PDB file of N, CA and C in Angstrom:
ATOM      1  N   UNK A   1      27.594  27.043   3.787  1.00  0.00           N
ATOM      2  CA  UNK A   1      27.256  25.997   4.595  1.00  0.00           C
ATOM      3  C   UNK A   1      25.717  25.625   4.255  1.00  0.00           C
ATOM      4  N   UNK A   2      24.988  26.725   4.476  1.00  0.00           N
ATOM      5  CA  UNK A   2      23.613  26.384   4.353  1.00  0.00           C
ATOM      6  C   UNK A   2      23.089  25.694   2.965  1.00  0.00           C
ATOM      7  N   UNK A   3      23.866  26.309   2.058  1.00  0.00           N
ATOM      8  CA  UNK A   3      23.399  25.547   0.640  1.00  0.00           C
ATOM      9  C   UNK A   3      23.733  24.371   0.670  1.00  0.00           C
ATOM     10  N   UNK A   4      24.951  23.884   1.157  1.00  0.00           N
ATOM     11  CA  UNK A   4      25.244  22.467   1.252  1.00  0.00           C
ATOM     12  C   UNK A   4      24.399  21.496   2.030  1.00  0.00           C
ATOM     13  N   UNK A   5      23.950  22.294   3.205  1.00  0.00           N
ATOM     14  CA  UNK A   5      22.879  21.540   3.999  1.00  0.00           C
ATOM     15  C   UNK A   5      21.584  21.349   3.376  1.00  0.00           C
ATOM     16  N   UNK A   6      21.031  22.400   2.292  1.00  0.00           N
ATOM     17  CA  UNK A   6      20.122  22.423   1.559  1.00  0.00           C
ATOM     18  C   UNK A   6      20.240  21.416   0.676  1.00  0.00           C
ATOM     19  N   UNK A   7      21.311  21.228  -0.115  1.00  0.00           N
ATOM     20  CA  UNK A   7      21.263  20.274  -1.116  1.00  0.00           C
ATOM     21  C   UNK A   7      21.257  18.706  -0.273  1.00  0.00           C
ATOM     22  N   UNK A   8      21.783  18.557   0.732  1.00  0.00           N
ATOM     23  CA  UNK A   8      21.908  17.521   1.416  1.00  0.00           C
ATOM     24  C   UNK A   8      20.351  16.993   1.923  1.00  0.00           C
ATOM     25  N   UNK A   9      19.493  17.936   2.320  1.00  0.00           N
ATOM     26  CA  UNK A   9      18.216  17.619   2.682  1.00  0.00           C
ATOM     27  C   UNK A   9      17.244  17.398   1.369  1.00  0.00           C
ATOM     28  N   UNK A  10      17.656  18.061   0.330  1.00  0.00           N
ATOM     29  CA  UNK A  10      16.919  17.832  -0.847  1.00  0.00           C
ATOM     30  C   UNK A  10      17.394  16.371  -1.391  1.00  0.00           C
ATOM     31  N   UNK A  11      18.598  16.064  -1.343  1.00  0.00           N
ATOM     32  CA  UNK A  11      19.033  14.794  -1.615  1.00  0.00           C
ATOM     33  C   UNK A  11      18.552  13.685  -0.987  1.00  0.00           C
ATOM     34  N   UNK A  12      18.392  13.690   0.297  1.00  0.00           N
ATOM     35  CA  UNK A  12      17.700  12.863   1.150  1.00  0.00           C
ATOM     36  C   UNK A  12      16.280  12.713   1.074  1.00  0.00           C
ATOM     37  N   UNK A  13      15.538  13.643   0.341  1.00  0.00           N
ATOM     38  CA  UNK A  13      14.127  13.642   0.094  1.00  0.00           C
ATOM     39  C   UNK A  13      13.947  12.864  -1.098  1.00  0.00           C
ATOM     40  N   UNK A  14      14.768  13.022  -2.100  1.00  0.00           N
ATOM     41  CA  UNK A  14      14.610  12.140  -3.497  1.00  0.00           C
ATOM     42  C   UNK A  14      15.205  10.829  -3.131  1.00  0.00           C
ATOM     43  N   UNK A  15      16.099  10.576  -2.031  1.00  0.00           N
ATOM     44  CA  UNK A  15      16.572   9.096  -1.786  1.00  0.00           C
ATOM     45  C   UNK A  15      15.056   8.451  -1.342  1.00  0.00           C
ATOM     46  N   UNK A  16      14.554   9.179  -0.333  1.00  0.00           N
ATOM     47  CA  UNK A  16      13.463   8.480   0.138  1.00  0.00           C
ATOM     48  C   UNK A  16      12.222   8.284  -0.689  1.00  0.00           C
ATOM     49  N   UNK A  17      12.082   9.050  -1.668  1.00  0.00           N
ATOM     50  CA  UNK A  17      11.111   9.210  -2.822  1.00  0.00           C
ATOM     51  C   UNK A  17      11.258   7.956  -3.677  1.00  0.00           C
ATOM     52  N   UNK A  18      12.611   7.883  -3.937  1.00  0.00           N
ATOM     53  CA  UNK A  18      12.931   6.714  -4.756  1.00  0.00           C
ATOM     54  C   UNK A  18      12.720   5.516  -4.335  1.00  0.00           C
ATOM     55  N   UNK A  19      13.080   5.218  -2.907  1.00  0.00           N
ATOM     56  CA  UNK A  19      12.748   4.123  -2.265  1.00  0.00           C
ATOM     57  C   UNK A  19      11.295   3.728  -2.183  1.00  0.00           C
ATOM     58  N   UNK A  20      10.551   4.756  -1.932  1.00  0.00           N
ATOM     59  CA  UNK A  20       9.065   4.532  -1.974  1.00  0.00           C
ATOM     60  C   UNK A  20       8.461   3.873  -3.210  1.00  0.00           C
ATOM     61  N   UNK A  21       9.057   4.646  -4.354  1.00  0.00           N
ATOM     62  CA  UNK A  21       8.729   4.184  -5.698  1.00  0.00           C
ATOM     63  C   UNK A  21       9.142   2.760  -6.059  1.00  0.00           C
ATOM     64  N   UNK A  22      10.444   2.379  -5.610  1.00  0.00           N
ATOM     65  CA  UNK A  22      10.990   1.202  -5.859  1.00  0.00           C
ATOM     66  C   UNK A  22       9.876   0.169  -5.005  1.00  0.00           C
ATOM     67  N   UNK A  23       9.685   0.341  -3.835  1.00  0.00           N
ATOM     68  CA  UNK A  23       8.598  -0.585  -3.369  1.00  0.00           C
ATOM     69  C   UNK A  23       7.423  -0.569  -3.844  1.00  0.00           C
ATOM     70  N   UNK A  24       6.910   0.593  -4.409  1.00  0.00           N
ATOM     71  CA  UNK A  24       5.341   0.474  -4.922  1.00  0.00           C
ATOM     72  C   UNK A  24       5.762  -0.290  -6.484  1.00  0.00           C
ATOM     73  N   UNK A  25       6.742  -0.220  -6.852  1.00  0.00           N
ATOM     74  CA  UNK A  25       6.934  -0.952  -8.310  1.00  0.00           C
ATOM     75  C   UNK A  25       7.078  -2.609  -7.897  1.00  0.00           C
ATOM     76  N   UNK A  26       7.567  -2.876  -6.769  1.00  0.00           N
ATOM     77  CA  UNK A  26       7.752  -4.324  -6.449  1.00  0.00           C
ATOM     78  C   UNK A  26       6.243  -4.759  -6.110  1.00  0.00           C
ATOM     79  N   UNK A  27       5.654  -4.081  -5.285  1.00  0.00           N
ATOM     80  CA  UNK A  27       4.298  -4.628  -5.051  1.00  0.00           C
ATOM     81  C   UNK A  27       3.383  -4.511  -6.343  1.00  0.00           C
ATOM     82  N   UNK A  28       3.542  -3.818  -7.240  1.00  0.00           N
ATOM     83  CA  UNK A  28       2.826  -3.497  -8.652  1.00  0.00           C
ATOM     84  C   UNK A  28       3.287  -4.891  -9.360  1.00  0.00           C
ATOM     85  N   UNK A  29       4.421  -5.104  -9.316  1.00  0.00           N
ATOM     86  CA  UNK A  29       4.890  -6.476 -10.234  1.00  0.00           C
ATOM     87  C   UNK A  29       4.457  -7.760  -9.493  1.00  0.00           C
ATOM     88  N   UNK A  30       4.461  -8.046  -7.938  1.00  0.00           N
ATOM     89  CA  UNK A  30       3.760  -8.930  -7.576  1.00  0.00           C
ATOM     90  C   UNK A  30       2.257  -9.004  -7.969  1.00  0.00           C
ATOM     91  N   UNK A  31       1.681  -7.977  -7.875  1.00  0.00           N
ATOM     92  CA  UNK A  31       0.140  -8.083  -7.968  1.00  0.00           C
ATOM     93  C   UNK A  31      -0.107  -8.455  -9.546  1.00  0.00           C
ATOM     94  N   UNK A  32       0.746  -7.948 -10.311  1.00  0.00           N
ATOM     95  CA  UNK A  32       0.666  -8.093 -11.918  1.00  0.00           C
ATOM     96  C   UNK A  32       0.756  -9.721 -12.054  1.00  0.00           C
ATOM     97  N   UNK A  33       1.937 -10.429 -11.328  1.00  0.00           N
ATOM     98  CA  UNK A  33       2.277 -11.764 -11.433  1.00  0.00           C
ATOM     99  C   UNK A  33       1.104 -12.492 -11.059  1.00  0.00           C
ATOM    100  N   UNK A  34       0.414 -12.261  -9.892  1.00  0.00           N
ATOM    101  CA  UNK A  34      -0.622 -13.159  -9.459  1.00  0.00           C
ATOM    102  C   UNK A  34      -1.834 -12.883 -10.529  1.00  0.00           C
ATOM    103  N   UNK A  35      -2.277 -11.859 -11.056  1.00  0.00           N
ATOM    104  CA  UNK A  35      -3.235 -11.634 -12.014  1.00  0.00           C
ATOM    105  C   UNK A  35      -2.715 -12.550 -13.397  1.00  0.00           C
ATOM    106  N   UNK A  36      -1.557 -12.448 -13.528  1.00  0.00           N
ATOM    107  CA  UNK A  36      -1.122 -13.061 -15.001  1.00  0.00           C
ATOM    108  C   UNK A  36      -1.378 -14.658 -14.756  1.00  0.00           C
ATOM    109  N   UNK A  37      -0.761 -15.228 -13.506  1.00  0.00           N
ATOM    110  CA  UNK A  37      -1.008 -16.555 -13.351  1.00  0.00           C
ATOM    111  C   UNK A  37      -2.495 -16.982 -13.363  1.00  0.00           C
ATOM    112  N   UNK A  38      -3.110 -16.128 -12.836  1.00  0.00           N
ATOM    113  CA  UNK A  38      -4.662 -16.413 -12.823  1.00  0.00           C
ATOM    114  C   UNK A  38      -5.394 -16.385 -14.129  1.00  0.00           C
ATOM    115  N   UNK A  39      -4.810 -15.499 -15.097  1.00  0.00           N
ATOM    116  CA  UNK A  39      -5.381 -15.449 -16.169  1.00  0.00           C
ATOM    117  C   UNK A  39      -4.935 -16.764 -17.019  1.00  0.00           C
ATOM    118  N   UNK A  40      -3.769 -17.096 -16.874  1.00  0.00           N
ATOM    119  CA  UNK A  40      -3.265 -18.330 -17.500  1.00  0.00           C
ATOM    120  C   UNK A  40      -3.919 -19.471 -17.015  1.00  0.00           C
ATOM    121  N   UNK A  41      -4.168 -19.608 -15.859  1.00  0.00           N
ATOM    122  CA  UNK A  41      -4.807 -20.818 -15.331  1.00  0.00           C
ATOM    123  C   UNK A  41      -6.234 -21.059 -15.686  1.00  0.00           C
ATOM    124  N   UNK A  42      -6.874 -19.788 -16.252  1.00  0.00           N
ATOM    125  CA  UNK A  42      -8.158 -19.777 -16.790  1.00  0.00           C
ATOM    126  C   UNK A  42      -8.039 -19.905 -18.141  1.00  0.00           C
ATOM    127  N   UNK A  43      -7.128 -20.096 -18.906  1.00  0.00           N
ATOM    128  CA  UNK A  43      -7.060 -20.407 -20.320  1.00  0.00           C
ATOM    129  C   UNK A  43      -6.731 -19.343 -21.124  1.00  0.00           C
ATOM    130  N   UNK A  44      -6.118 -18.091 -20.574  1.00  0.00           N
ATOM    131  CA  UNK A  44      -5.922 -17.186 -21.385  1.00  0.00           C
ATOM    132  C   UNK A  44      -4.659 -17.375 -22.503  1.00  0.00           C
ATOM    133  N   UNK A  45      -4.508 -16.795 -23.377  1.00  0.00           N
ATOM    134  CA  UNK A  45      -3.510 -17.060 -24.455  1.00  0.00           C
ATOM    135  C   UNK A  45      -2.416 -16.309 -23.886  1.00  0.00           C
ATOM    136  N   UNK A  46      -1.147 -17.060 -24.073  1.00  0.00           N
ATOM    137  CA  UNK A  46      -0.058 -16.632 -23.694  1.00  0.00           C
ATOM    138  C   UNK A  46       0.659 -15.827 -24.961  1.00  0.00           C
ATOM    139  N   UNK A  47       0.955 -14.617 -24.761  1.00  0.00           N
ATOM    140  CA  UNK A  47       1.479 -13.630 -25.776  1.00  0.00           C
ATOM    141  C   UNK A  47       2.632 -14.116 -26.356  1.00  0.00           C
ATOM    142  N   UNK A  48       2.804 -13.966 -27.769  1.00  0.00           N
ATOM    143  CA  UNK A  48       3.909 -14.338 -28.682  1.00  0.00           C
ATOM    144  C   UNK A  48       5.170 -13.939 -27.960  1.00  0.00           C
ATOM    145  N   UNK A  49       5.335 -12.790 -27.450  1.00  0.00           N
ATOM    146  CA  UNK A  49       6.322 -12.291 -26.967  1.00  0.00           C
ATOM    147  C   UNK A  49       6.951 -12.993 -25.683  1.00  0.00           C
ATOM    148  N   UNK A  50       5.786 -13.499 -24.870  1.00  0.00           N
ATOM    149  CA  UNK A  50       6.330 -14.148 -23.693  1.00  0.00           C
ATOM    150  C   UNK A  50       6.879 -15.556 -24.200  1.00  0.00           C
ATOM    151  N   UNK A  51       6.139 -16.087 -25.249  1.00  0.00           N
ATOM    152  CA  UNK A  51       6.583 -17.403 -25.657  1.00  0.00           C
ATOM    153  C   UNK A  51       7.878 -17.521 -26.230  1.00  0.00           C
ATOM    154  N   UNK A  52       8.497 -16.558 -26.837  1.00  0.00           N
ATOM    155  CA  UNK A  52       9.819 -16.509 -27.459  1.00  0.00           C
ATOM    156  C   UNK A  52      10.742 -16.287 -26.430  1.00  0.00           C
ATOM    157  N   UNK A  53      10.376 -16.013 -25.422  1.00  0.00           N
ATOM    158  CA  UNK A  53      11.501 -15.620 -24.176  1.00  0.00           C
ATOM    159  C   UNK A  53      11.637 -16.999 -23.309  1.00  0.00           C
ATOM    160  N   UNK A  54      10.573 -17.848 -23.523  1.00  0.00           N
ATOM    161  CA  UNK A  54      10.508 -19.015 -22.690  1.00  0.00           C
ATOM    162  C   UNK A  54      11.835 -19.928 -23.314  1.00  0.00           C
ATOM    163  N   UNK A  55      12.465 -20.621 -22.654  1.00  0.00           N
ATOM    164  CA  UNK A  55      13.430 -21.765 -23.092  1.00  0.00           C
ATOM    165  C   UNK A  55      12.748 -22.819 -23.950  1.00  0.00           C
ATOM    166  N   UNK A  56      13.267 -23.404 -24.660  1.00  0.00           N
ATOM    167  CA  UNK A  56      12.602 -24.440 -25.645  1.00  0.00           C
ATOM    168  C   UNK A  56      13.086 -25.772 -24.945  1.00  0.00           C
TER     169      UNK A  56
END
């Protein structure tokens, strides 16, 4: 029973870490989007990769 409880505890820790990293990624993506929009507003070139993804 102790090993089962230990595994549950470890699973809980990894689940919490995953949630933290997911939230951190979301914040980073939002910040990146702000900087991307600011760069494009100031005349930065749009990469070819981004241009081919946009609808025609």
